Protein backbone atom coordinates (compact mmCIF):
# COMPACT_ATOMS: atom_id res chain seq x y z
CA MET A 1 -8.46 -14.03 37.38
CA ASN A 2 -10.84 -11.07 37.63
CA ASN A 3 -8.61 -9.14 35.26
CA LEU A 4 -8.76 -12.00 32.76
CA TYR A 5 -12.54 -11.80 32.42
CA LYS A 6 -12.48 -8.00 32.45
CA TYR A 7 -10.04 -7.92 29.53
CA LEU A 8 -11.90 -10.69 27.67
CA ASP A 9 -14.98 -8.48 27.74
CA LEU A 10 -13.04 -5.37 26.68
CA ILE A 11 -11.62 -7.02 23.57
CA ASN A 12 -14.86 -8.79 22.60
CA LEU A 13 -13.88 -12.37 23.43
CA SER A 14 -16.10 -14.90 25.18
CA ASP A 15 -14.58 -17.09 27.90
CA GLU A 16 -15.29 -20.11 25.65
CA ILE A 17 -12.19 -19.20 23.66
CA LEU A 18 -10.02 -20.24 26.62
CA GLU A 19 -10.91 -23.88 25.87
CA GLN A 20 -10.04 -23.68 22.17
CA ILE A 21 -6.83 -24.71 20.41
CA VAL A 22 -4.96 -21.64 19.11
CA ASN A 23 -4.58 -23.05 15.58
CA THR A 24 -8.36 -23.24 15.23
CA LEU A 25 -8.82 -19.51 15.90
CA SER A 26 -9.36 -16.84 13.26
CA GLY A 27 -6.63 -14.31 12.48
CA GLY A 28 -8.38 -11.62 14.51
CA GLU A 29 -8.90 -13.94 17.50
CA LYS A 30 -5.18 -14.77 17.49
CA VAL A 31 -4.32 -11.06 17.57
CA LYS A 32 -6.73 -10.59 20.48
CA ILE A 33 -5.12 -13.44 22.42
CA SER A 34 -1.72 -11.75 21.94
CA ILE A 35 -3.17 -8.46 23.22
CA LEU A 36 -4.75 -10.29 26.16
CA LYS A 37 -1.38 -11.75 27.13
CA LEU A 38 0.21 -8.29 27.06
CA LEU A 39 -2.53 -6.84 29.26
CA LEU A 40 -2.37 -9.64 31.84
CA ASN A 41 1.42 -9.47 32.20
CA GLU A 42 1.35 -5.71 32.85
CA TYR A 43 4.60 -4.97 31.02
CA ASP A 44 6.31 -1.59 31.52
CA ILE A 45 6.64 -0.95 27.77
CA LEU A 46 4.72 -2.44 24.84
CA PHE A 47 6.04 -3.26 21.37
CA LEU A 48 3.27 -3.92 18.84
CA ASP A 49 3.80 -5.08 15.24
CA GLU A 50 0.72 -4.29 13.12
CA PRO A 51 -1.63 -4.51 16.13
CA THR A 52 -4.79 -3.75 14.12
CA ASN A 53 -4.34 -6.48 11.49
CA ASP A 54 -7.51 -8.62 11.39
CA LEU A 55 -9.15 -6.91 14.37
CA ASP A 56 -12.87 -6.13 14.17
CA ILE A 57 -13.87 -2.46 14.26
CA GLU A 58 -15.15 -2.53 17.87
CA THR A 59 -11.80 -3.82 19.11
CA LEU A 60 -9.93 -1.37 16.87
CA GLU A 61 -11.74 1.48 18.59
CA TRP A 62 -11.02 0.00 22.01
CA LEU A 63 -7.32 -0.37 21.13
CA GLU A 64 -7.15 3.29 20.07
CA SER A 65 -8.72 4.32 23.36
CA PHE A 66 -6.30 2.10 25.29
CA ILE A 67 -3.22 3.51 23.53
CA ASN A 68 -4.38 7.07 24.20
CA SER A 69 -5.22 6.48 27.86
CA THR A 70 -2.36 4.27 29.09
CA ASP A 71 0.65 5.81 30.79
CA LYS A 72 2.91 3.04 29.43
CA PRO A 73 5.14 3.88 26.45
CA ILE A 74 4.03 2.03 23.30
CA ILE A 75 6.18 1.56 20.20
CA TYR A 76 4.23 0.16 17.29
CA VAL A 77 4.56 -0.53 13.58
CA SER A 78 1.38 0.05 11.61
CA HIS A 79 -0.04 0.66 8.14
CA ASP A 80 -3.42 1.61 9.60
CA GLU A 81 -3.74 5.32 8.78
CA THR A 82 -6.72 5.80 11.09
CA LEU A 83 -4.84 4.30 14.04
CA LEU A 84 -1.83 6.49 13.25
CA SER A 85 -3.99 9.61 12.99
CA LYS A 86 -5.78 8.95 16.28
CA THR A 87 -2.94 7.71 18.50
CA ALA A 88 0.62 8.45 17.31
CA ASN A 89 2.40 11.39 18.98
CA MET A 90 5.89 10.61 17.66
CA ILE A 91 6.77 9.36 14.18
CA LEU A 92 9.70 7.26 13.00
CA HIS A 93 9.43 7.00 9.21
CA LEU A 94 11.69 4.47 7.47
CA GLU A 95 12.03 4.87 3.70
CA GLN A 96 13.70 2.92 0.93
CA ILE A 97 15.12 5.40 -1.58
CA LYS A 98 17.30 5.36 -4.71
CA LYS A 99 15.22 2.52 -6.13
CA LYS A 100 15.48 0.53 -2.87
CA THR A 101 19.29 0.66 -2.82
CA ASP A 102 19.48 3.00 0.18
CA CYS A 103 17.40 3.85 3.22
CA ARG A 104 16.60 6.93 5.25
CA HIS A 105 14.84 7.61 8.52
CA THR A 106 12.95 10.61 9.87
CA LEU A 107 12.17 10.95 13.59
CA LEU A 108 9.85 13.74 14.77
CA LYS A 109 7.85 14.27 17.95
CA ILE A 110 4.60 15.30 16.27
CA ASP A 111 1.28 13.66 15.47
CA TYR A 112 0.82 11.69 12.26
CA ASP A 113 -1.45 14.13 10.40
CA THR A 114 0.92 17.02 11.10
CA TYR A 115 3.85 14.89 9.96
CA VAL A 116 2.14 14.05 6.64
CA GLU A 117 1.20 17.70 6.09
CA GLN A 118 4.72 18.96 6.89
CA ARG A 119 6.30 16.25 4.74
CA ILE A 120 4.18 17.07 1.68
CA ARG A 121 4.71 20.80 2.14
CA GLY A 122 8.47 20.32 2.62
CA LEU A 123 8.82 18.09 -0.43
CA GLU A 124 6.87 20.54 -2.59
CA HIS A 125 8.97 23.48 -1.35
CA GLN A 126 12.26 21.66 -1.96
CA THR A 127 11.08 20.59 -5.42
CA GLN A 128 10.19 24.19 -6.34
CA ILE A 129 13.59 25.49 -5.16
CA ALA A 130 15.42 22.69 -7.00
CA LYS A 131 13.59 23.39 -10.26
CA SER A 132 14.11 27.15 -9.94
CA GLU A 133 17.83 26.75 -9.28
CA LYS A 134 18.15 24.32 -12.19
CA ARG A 135 16.40 26.73 -14.58
CA GLU A 136 18.69 29.59 -13.53
CA PHE A 137 21.76 27.36 -13.77
CA ASN A 138 20.79 26.25 -17.29
CA LYS A 139 20.33 29.89 -18.36
CA GLN A 140 23.78 30.84 -17.05
CA GLN A 141 25.33 27.78 -18.65
CA GLU A 142 23.74 28.52 -22.03
CA LYS A 143 24.91 32.15 -21.83
CA LEU A 144 28.46 31.06 -20.99
CA GLN A 145 28.47 28.56 -23.89
CA ARG A 146 27.36 31.26 -26.34
CA ILE A 147 30.17 33.58 -25.20
CA MET A 148 32.72 30.76 -25.41
CA GLN A 149 31.61 29.84 -28.93
CA LYS A 150 31.89 33.50 -29.97
CA VAL A 151 35.42 33.82 -28.52
CA GLU A 152 36.44 30.50 -30.08
CA TYR A 153 35.23 31.74 -33.47
CA GLN A 154 37.14 35.01 -33.01
CA GLN A 155 40.30 33.07 -32.16
CA LYS A 156 40.03 31.07 -35.36
CA THR A 157 39.43 34.08 -37.57
CA ILE A 158 41.75 36.72 -36.01
CA SER A 159 44.50 37.96 -38.27
CA ARG A 160 48.06 36.80 -37.58
CA SER A 161 49.07 40.44 -37.82
CA ASP A 162 47.18 41.12 -34.56
CA PRO A 163 49.15 39.25 -31.86
CA HIS A 164 47.87 41.56 -29.11
CA GLY A 165 44.24 40.79 -30.02
CA ALA A 166 45.03 37.04 -30.08
CA LYS A 167 46.57 37.32 -26.60
CA VAL A 168 43.49 39.14 -25.27
CA LEU A 169 41.19 36.46 -26.72
CA LYS A 170 43.33 33.67 -25.25
CA LYS A 171 43.18 35.28 -21.82
CA LYS A 172 39.42 35.74 -22.14
CA MET A 173 38.95 32.06 -23.10
CA HIS A 174 41.05 31.01 -20.11
CA SER A 175 38.78 33.07 -17.83
CA LEU A 176 35.66 31.59 -19.41
CA LYS A 177 36.91 28.02 -18.91
CA SER A 178 37.63 28.85 -15.29
CA GLN A 179 34.00 29.99 -14.92
CA GLU A 180 32.87 26.75 -16.60
CA ARG A 181 34.82 24.65 -14.09
CA LYS A 182 33.29 26.60 -11.20
CA MET A 183 29.80 26.03 -12.63
CA ASP A 184 30.49 22.30 -12.95
CA ASN A 185 31.23 22.24 -9.21
CA THR A 186 28.12 24.23 -8.26
CA LEU A 187 26.01 22.43 -5.65
CA LEU A 188 22.33 22.75 -6.53
CA THR A 189 19.37 21.84 -4.35
CA GLU A 190 18.28 18.34 -5.39
CA ILE A 191 14.75 17.27 -6.20
CA PRO A 192 13.87 15.21 -3.11
CA ASP A 193 14.48 11.48 -3.40
CA VAL A 194 11.57 9.76 -1.68
CA GLU A 195 10.13 6.29 -1.55
CA GLU A 196 8.03 6.15 -4.68
CA SER A 197 4.29 5.47 -4.57
CA ILE A 198 2.77 2.75 -6.70
CA ASN A 199 0.93 3.38 -9.95
CA PHE A 200 -1.68 1.07 -11.48
CA PHE A 201 -5.14 1.03 -13.07
CA PHE A 202 -7.61 -1.43 -14.57
CA GLU A 203 -7.85 -1.39 -18.37
CA ASP A 204 -11.15 -1.91 -20.20
CA VAL A 205 -12.94 -3.33 -17.17
CA ALA A 206 -16.67 -2.75 -16.81
CA ILE A 207 -19.84 -4.59 -15.96
CA PRO A 208 -23.48 -3.61 -16.70
CA LYS A 209 -25.15 -1.88 -13.75
CA HIS A 210 -28.11 -4.24 -13.60
CA LYS A 211 -26.30 -7.49 -14.37
CA ASN A 212 -27.10 -10.22 -11.85
CA ILE A 213 -23.81 -11.19 -10.21
CA MET A 214 -24.97 -13.35 -7.34
CA ASN A 215 -27.98 -14.57 -5.39
CA LEU A 216 -26.47 -16.12 -2.28
CA ASN A 217 -28.52 -18.24 0.10
CA ILE A 218 -26.63 -20.22 2.76
CA GLY A 219 -28.61 -22.02 5.44
CA GLN A 220 -25.64 -22.62 7.72
CA LEU A 221 -22.09 -21.26 7.55
CA LYS A 222 -19.87 -23.82 9.26
CA VAL A 223 -16.22 -24.53 10.01
CA GLN A 224 -16.04 -28.29 10.52
CA ALA A 225 -18.92 -28.98 12.92
CA LYS A 226 -19.12 -25.47 14.36
CA ILE A 227 -21.99 -23.31 13.07
CA LEU A 228 -20.84 -19.70 12.70
CA SER A 229 -23.89 -18.08 11.11
CA LYS A 230 -27.32 -18.98 9.72
CA ASN A 231 -29.65 -17.80 6.96
CA ILE A 232 -27.12 -15.79 4.99
CA LYS A 233 -28.71 -14.07 2.00
CA LEU A 234 -27.00 -11.66 -0.35
CA ASP A 235 -28.01 -10.35 -3.78
CA VAL A 236 -25.36 -8.55 -5.81
CA ILE A 237 -25.85 -6.68 -9.08
CA GLY A 238 -23.69 -4.68 -11.48
CA ASN A 239 -20.79 -2.55 -10.39
CA THR A 240 -21.64 -2.69 -6.68
CA HIS A 241 -18.78 -2.13 -4.24
CA LEU A 242 -19.69 -3.99 -1.07
CA CYS A 243 -17.88 -4.86 2.13
CA ILE A 244 -18.62 -7.35 4.90
CA ILE A 245 -17.61 -6.54 8.47
CA GLY A 246 -18.28 -8.37 11.72
CA LYS A 247 -16.75 -9.64 14.95
CA ASN A 248 -13.63 -11.76 14.80
CA GLY A 249 -14.36 -15.47 14.42
CA ILE A 250 -17.83 -14.92 12.94
CA GLY A 251 -16.73 -16.46 9.61
CA LYS A 252 -16.10 -13.56 7.24
CA SER A 253 -13.12 -15.19 5.49
CA THR A 254 -14.99 -18.51 5.33
CA LEU A 255 -17.94 -16.73 3.72
CA ILE A 256 -15.89 -14.85 1.16
CA LYS A 257 -14.12 -18.08 0.13
CA LYS A 258 -17.53 -19.63 -0.47
CA ILE A 259 -18.54 -16.62 -2.57
CA TYR A 260 -15.36 -16.97 -4.64
CA ASN A 261 -15.95 -20.70 -5.18
CA LYS A 262 -19.54 -19.99 -6.21
CA LEU A 263 -18.56 -17.37 -8.80
CA ASN A 264 -15.24 -18.72 -10.06
CA ASP A 265 -16.73 -21.16 -12.58
CA ARG A 266 -18.92 -18.53 -14.25
CA THR A 267 -18.05 -17.88 -17.90
CA ASP A 268 -19.89 -14.55 -18.22
CA ILE A 269 -17.68 -12.80 -15.65
CA LYS A 270 -13.94 -12.79 -14.88
CA VAL A 271 -13.38 -13.27 -11.16
CA GLY A 272 -10.19 -12.35 -9.28
CA TYR A 273 -9.47 -13.32 -5.68
CA MET A 274 -7.11 -11.93 -3.04
CA PRO A 275 -7.21 -14.16 0.05
CA GLN A 276 -6.38 -13.03 3.56
CA THR A 277 -3.58 -15.60 3.74
CA TYR A 278 -1.64 -15.07 0.50
CA ASP A 279 0.25 -18.36 0.70
CA ASP A 280 -3.01 -20.31 0.32
CA ILE A 281 -2.60 -19.53 -3.39
CA LEU A 282 1.03 -18.46 -3.76
CA ASN A 283 2.43 -21.72 -2.36
CA ASN A 284 1.45 -23.27 -5.70
CA TYR A 285 4.04 -21.11 -7.50
CA GLU A 286 7.80 -20.78 -7.11
CA TYR A 287 8.68 -17.56 -8.92
CA VAL A 288 6.92 -14.20 -9.34
CA LEU A 289 6.46 -14.60 -13.11
CA ASP A 290 5.12 -18.16 -12.67
CA PHE A 291 2.14 -16.62 -10.87
CA ILE A 292 1.37 -13.59 -13.03
CA SER A 293 2.59 -14.89 -16.43
CA PRO A 294 1.52 -18.55 -16.51
CA HIS A 295 1.71 -18.80 -20.32
CA GLY A 296 5.22 -17.38 -20.40
CA ASN A 297 4.93 -15.77 -23.82
CA LYS A 298 7.05 -12.72 -24.62
CA GLU A 299 4.18 -10.21 -24.82
CA GLU A 300 2.71 -11.36 -21.50
CA ILE A 301 6.08 -11.24 -19.71
CA THR A 302 6.83 -7.75 -21.09
CA LYS A 303 3.48 -6.41 -19.86
CA SER A 304 3.96 -8.15 -16.50
CA ARG A 305 7.35 -6.50 -16.02
CA ILE A 306 5.90 -3.07 -16.83
CA LEU A 307 3.12 -3.53 -14.26
CA LEU A 308 5.56 -4.87 -11.66
CA GLY A 309 7.74 -1.81 -12.28
CA ASN A 310 4.71 0.45 -11.73
CA MET A 311 4.21 -1.37 -8.41
CA LYS A 312 7.85 -0.50 -7.54
CA PHE A 313 9.21 -4.03 -7.79
CA THR A 314 12.98 -3.97 -8.30
CA LYS A 315 14.49 -6.02 -11.14
CA GLU A 316 15.69 -8.51 -8.52
CA GLU A 317 12.18 -8.85 -7.02
CA MET A 318 10.67 -9.48 -10.47
CA VAL A 319 12.69 -12.68 -10.86
CA SER A 320 12.79 -13.69 -7.20
CA LYS A 321 11.16 -16.62 -5.48
CA ILE A 322 7.74 -15.76 -4.06
CA LYS A 323 8.68 -17.15 -0.63
CA ASP A 324 11.35 -14.43 -0.34
CA LEU A 325 8.86 -11.55 -0.71
CA SER A 326 7.39 -9.55 2.17
CA ASN A 327 3.64 -9.66 2.75
CA GLY A 328 3.32 -6.11 1.41
CA THR A 329 5.07 -7.10 -1.81
CA LYS A 330 2.92 -10.24 -2.08
CA SER A 331 -0.23 -8.12 -1.78
CA LYS A 332 0.97 -5.91 -4.65
CA LEU A 333 1.65 -9.09 -6.64
CA PHE A 334 -2.04 -10.01 -6.29
CA LEU A 335 -3.08 -6.57 -7.52
CA VAL A 336 -0.87 -7.00 -10.60
CA LYS A 337 -2.53 -10.38 -11.24
CA LEU A 338 -6.03 -8.84 -10.98
CA VAL A 339 -5.06 -6.13 -13.50
CA LEU A 340 -3.39 -8.54 -15.95
CA ASP A 341 -6.38 -10.90 -15.88
CA LYS A 342 -8.77 -7.96 -16.55
CA CYS A 343 -11.07 -9.15 -13.76
CA ASN A 344 -14.46 -7.46 -13.64
CA VAL A 345 -15.42 -9.05 -10.31
CA LEU A 346 -12.99 -8.73 -7.39
CA ILE A 347 -13.25 -10.90 -4.27
CA LEU A 348 -10.95 -9.23 -1.74
CA ASP A 349 -10.21 -10.34 1.81
CA GLU A 350 -8.57 -7.43 3.66
CA PRO A 351 -7.02 -5.91 0.48
CA THR A 352 -5.23 -3.04 2.24
CA ARG A 353 -3.94 -4.81 5.37
CA ASN A 354 -0.27 -5.08 4.34
CA MET A 355 0.01 -1.95 2.22
CA SER A 356 1.99 1.08 3.36
CA PRO A 357 0.35 4.47 4.06
CA LEU A 358 2.08 5.58 0.85
CA SER A 359 0.38 2.89 -1.29
CA ASN A 360 -3.03 2.69 0.37
CA PRO A 361 -4.38 6.07 -0.86
CA VAL A 362 -3.53 5.00 -4.43
CA ILE A 363 -5.26 1.63 -3.98
CA ARG A 364 -8.37 3.23 -2.49
CA LYS A 365 -8.60 5.71 -5.37
CA VAL A 366 -8.21 3.00 -8.04
CA LEU A 367 -10.79 0.73 -6.38
CA SER A 368 -13.26 3.58 -5.82
CA GLU A 369 -13.13 4.30 -9.59
CA TYR A 370 -13.26 0.61 -10.55
CA LYS A 371 -16.14 -0.10 -12.95
CA GLY A 372 -16.56 -3.74 -11.96
CA THR A 373 -18.01 -5.48 -8.89
CA ILE A 374 -16.16 -5.59 -5.56
CA ILE A 375 -17.12 -8.06 -2.84
CA SER A 376 -14.78 -7.62 0.10
CA VAL A 377 -14.03 -8.12 3.77
CA SER A 378 -12.23 -5.27 5.51
CA HIS A 379 -11.76 -3.49 8.82
CA ASP A 380 -9.92 -0.58 7.17
CA ARG A 381 -12.11 2.41 7.95
CA LYS A 382 -10.63 4.60 5.23
CA TYR A 383 -11.23 1.83 2.68
CA ILE A 384 -14.83 1.44 3.84
CA ASN A 385 -15.48 5.21 3.69
CA GLU A 386 -13.83 5.84 0.32
CA VAL A 387 -14.49 2.66 -1.72
CA ILE A 388 -17.63 0.99 -0.41
CA ASP A 389 -21.25 1.83 -1.27
CA ASN A 390 -22.89 -1.19 0.42
CA LEU A 391 -21.84 -2.27 3.92
CA TYR A 392 -23.02 -5.51 5.59
CA VAL A 393 -22.46 -6.90 9.08
CA LEU A 394 -22.11 -10.68 9.40
CA THR A 395 -23.81 -11.88 12.57
CA THR A 396 -24.77 -15.30 13.94
CA ASN A 397 -28.17 -14.74 12.27
CA GLY A 398 -26.96 -13.74 8.82
CA LEU A 399 -26.04 -10.52 7.01
CA ILE A 400 -27.47 -7.17 8.10
CA LYS A 401 -27.16 -4.18 5.80
CA LYS A 402 -25.94 -1.01 7.51
């Protein structure tokens, strides 16, 4: 029992949570309960699937310290680049290649940053060699073709009175064709086939710097009868990029839903929303195109397919049922929707949580350059550092600017 209270304190949970029904807990609190169970059972090996999803930053930092200090082997799946950088000492990278028709794995006993550096350097080196070999091959092929054309012309124009010359030319052509066959069988270094990164951007989206977006004043933030926070005030103008952080269960997702509902009816701005639980919205649609192309006209569908292709959707995924998509693919579907709708105000609840380390740098770059307003909740430290210019902490007594 002593261990129970010790671990509760370590992962920022009060003992009151022991009396609560699991379904009433926030996403982060549920993750903490799972971690608590692992700690109390003292397993010999730990398997963790996205252990940082929904965790507050304090607990993230504790988890990193725990992973680095424990003598137990830990195998985990994660898209959290900071966690990978700080804790991983062996990398198993699974990739979908050849347009998701094949897969490949890489297993190396090195840290994550070294792996990324070696991978980039290796891919660049292989690409340079492949291009150099291809250039040289094309030169040799063009030279051979010129010689063959010259010999072919000589064969056609040689006098019948010169049978010896005709025989020499025939022998030369035979030799040249033999060289051609050898060249056709030449094995060249291939340009590396890797899992492709996504590509997207917002077209013609901007908002005046001093435009009043929101003056929020909430006396009490509640879930049913439970008061989570009081006296929440937040003024937002222009192309501000802000993020709200705070302890798990404090009401961040509840707050951002209220902000979305407050702004959604405005006619002077176009608001887009990515919820933490995608199915809250996606359950209203059966197919991918139902969600992103509600009007179903030809121009809209064509543009939708182009954007889905840029997000590395396969042709099958473009026409699939939404329920069959992974969470990562669903998150990319929301991004496509935000782009298509030309939203100039984005309400994002953990926008990077299901994205791969390959996609997340692209998303952070696009959002950092976004000319509209971003109001978000996130525990992704790279996202906060690279995208956000105003950071707030939600506490029981309101929002505090950091």
